[in-house]
Structures are given as structure tokens and as C-alpha cells.
Amino acid sequence: MQELTLPFFTTQFLAKAFLTLFLIFYFFFSILLIRQVQIMTAAVKTDLNRILKLASFLNLGISIVFLVFAFFA
């Protein structure tokens, strides 16, 4: 009796699908993080506001780069 094999469901495909899904969630988290930092910096005035905004935008940029690499790798 032959085993039923599905050619698309290889280990490599499942790993890439999981990684891509994870990076999509990470991208949306980065967008939410920017919004949270904007709300926080409007409510609390400190010297670190510019650094926090920069860090949140860097986080978004890194998530976009990783997501693009995941789609084209």
C-alpha cells in the first residue's frame, strides 16, 4: 500500500509559512507600538520622547525588512 504524500507540505514550506505568518504579526505589532509611543509621548513629556519615537520607527523598519526578505527568500 502506498503512502499518501502531499508535495506542498514539506518541512521547508511549513517553516517558511510559519516564519512569514510570524513576521506579519510582528509587522502589525510594530505599527501598534508606534501608536502606543505616540499616545504616551503626548501624555508624558520627557527628554526621551525623541529617542522612543526613533526606536519605534526603527522597529517598524526592521520588521518591514525582515518581512520583505521572508517573501523573497
C-alpha atoms as a PDB file:
ATOM      1  CA  MET A   1       0.000   0.000   0.000  1.00  0.00           C
ATOM      2  CA  GLN A   2       1.360   3.439  -0.940  1.00  0.00           C
ATOM      3  CA  GLU A   3       1.634   6.298   1.457  1.00  0.00           C
ATOM      4  CA  LEU A   4      -0.254   9.461   0.701  1.00  0.00           C
ATOM      5  CA  THR A   5       2.248  12.321   0.323  1.00  0.00           C
ATOM      6  CA  LEU A   6       1.462  15.943  -0.272  1.00  0.00           C
ATOM      7  CA  PRO A   7       4.188  17.686  -2.273  1.00  0.00           C
ATOM      8  CA  PHE A   8       3.490  21.164  -0.876  1.00  0.00           C
ATOM      9  CA  PHE A   9       3.676  20.274   2.792  1.00  0.00           C
ATOM     10  CA  THR A  10       7.394  19.791   3.135  1.00  0.00           C
ATOM     11  CA  THR A  11       9.310  20.847   6.205  1.00  0.00           C
ATOM     12  CA  GLN A  12      10.792  23.783   4.334  1.00  0.00           C
ATOM     13  CA  PHE A  13       7.358  25.001   3.223  1.00  0.00           C
ATOM     14  CA  LEU A  14       5.919  24.739   6.726  1.00  0.00           C
ATOM     15  CA  ALA A  15       8.887  26.567   8.233  1.00  0.00           C
ATOM     16  CA  LYS A  16       8.622  29.381   5.684  1.00  0.00           C
ATOM     17  CA  ALA A  17       4.852  29.636   6.145  1.00  0.00           C
ATOM     18  CA  PHE A  18       5.226  29.833   9.931  1.00  0.00           C
ATOM     19  CA  LEU A  19       8.016  32.417   9.683  1.00  0.00           C
ATOM     20  CA  THR A  20       6.052  34.558   7.235  1.00  0.00           C
ATOM     21  CA  LEU A  21       2.959  34.466   9.446  1.00  0.00           C
ATOM     22  CA  PHE A  22       5.050  35.347  12.481  1.00  0.00           C
ATOM     23  CA  LEU A  23       6.623  38.295  10.646  1.00  0.00           C
ATOM     24  CA  ILE A  24       3.215  39.572   9.528  1.00  0.00           C
ATOM     25  CA  PHE A  25       2.094  39.588  13.173  1.00  0.00           C
ATOM     26  CA  TYR A  26       5.366  41.288  14.125  1.00  0.00           C
ATOM     27  CA  PHE A  27       4.733  43.980  11.487  1.00  0.00           C
ATOM     28  CA  PHE A  28       1.291  44.731  12.934  1.00  0.00           C
ATOM     29  CA  PHE A  29       2.792  44.760  16.428  1.00  0.00           C
ATOM     30  CA  SER A  30       5.311  47.360  15.231  1.00  0.00           C
ATOM     31  CA  ILE A  31       2.503  49.562  13.935  1.00  0.00           C
ATOM     32  CA  LEU A  32       0.690  49.267  17.270  1.00  0.00           C
ATOM     33  CA  LEU A  33       3.931  50.075  19.067  1.00  0.00           C
ATOM     34  CA  ILE A  34       4.298  53.329  17.124  1.00  0.00           C
ATOM     35  CA  ARG A  35       0.734  54.294  18.041  1.00  0.00           C
ATOM     36  CA  GLN A  36       1.348  53.499  21.723  1.00  0.00           C
ATOM     37  CA  VAL A  37       4.534  55.571  21.759  1.00  0.00           C
ATOM     38  CA  GLN A  38       2.705  58.498  20.155  1.00  0.00           C
ATOM     39  CA  ILE A  39      -0.039  58.350  22.793  1.00  0.00           C
ATOM     40  CA  MET A  40       2.493  58.016  25.608  1.00  0.00           C
ATOM     41  CA  THR A  41       4.682  60.881  24.416  1.00  0.00           C
ATOM     42  CA  ALA A  42       1.629  63.127  24.132  1.00  0.00           C
ATOM     43  CA  ALA A  43       0.611  62.304  27.695  1.00  0.00           C
ATOM     44  CA  VAL A  44       4.033  62.290  29.345  1.00  0.00           C
ATOM     45  CA  LYS A  45       6.609  64.908  28.391  1.00  0.00           C
ATOM     46  CA  THR A  46      10.188  63.712  28.942  1.00  0.00           C
ATOM     47  CA  ASP A  47      13.601  64.120  27.377  1.00  0.00           C
ATOM     48  CA  LEU A  48      13.389  60.573  25.999  1.00  0.00           C
ATOM     49  CA  ASN A  49      10.422  61.210  23.697  1.00  0.00           C
ATOM     50  CA  ARG A  50      12.541  61.635  20.573  1.00  0.00           C
ATOM     51  CA  ILE A  51      14.592  58.527  21.354  1.00  0.00           C
ATOM     52  CA  LEU A  52      11.458  56.454  21.971  1.00  0.00           C
ATOM     53  CA  LYS A  53       9.891  57.622  18.708  1.00  0.00           C
ATOM     54  CA  LEU A  54      13.100  56.852  16.840  1.00  0.00           C
ATOM     55  CA  ALA A  55      13.301  53.385  18.393  1.00  0.00           C
ATOM     56  CA  SER A  56       9.695  52.606  17.468  1.00  0.00           C
ATOM     57  CA  PHE A  57      10.245  53.686  13.845  1.00  0.00           C
ATOM     58  CA  LEU A  58      13.459  51.657  13.680  1.00  0.00           C
ATOM     59  CA  ASN A  59      11.489  48.674  14.948  1.00  0.00           C
ATOM     60  CA  LEU A  60       8.950  49.182  12.154  1.00  0.00           C
ATOM     61  CA  GLY A  61      11.711  49.480   9.565  1.00  0.00           C
ATOM     62  CA  ILE A  62      13.375  46.299  10.740  1.00  0.00           C
ATOM     63  CA  SER A  63      10.077  44.432  10.653  1.00  0.00           C
ATOM     64  CA  ILE A  64       9.475  45.589   7.066  1.00  0.00           C
ATOM     65  CA  VAL A  65      12.960  44.471   6.003  1.00  0.00           C
ATOM     66  CA  PHE A  66      12.502  41.045   7.595  1.00  0.00           C
ATOM     67  CA  LEU A  67       9.062  40.667   6.023  1.00  0.00           C
ATOM     68  CA  VAL A  68      10.389  41.503   2.549  1.00  0.00           C
ATOM     69  CA  PHE A  69      13.262  39.047   2.997  1.00  0.00           C
ATOM     70  CA  ALA A  70      10.819  36.350   4.078  1.00  0.00           C
ATOM     71  CA  PHE A  71       8.659  36.840   0.994  1.00  0.00           C
ATOM     72  CA  PHE A  72      11.540  36.768  -1.463  1.00  0.00           C
ATOM     73  CA  ALA A  73      13.803  34.183   0.158  1.00  0.00           C
END
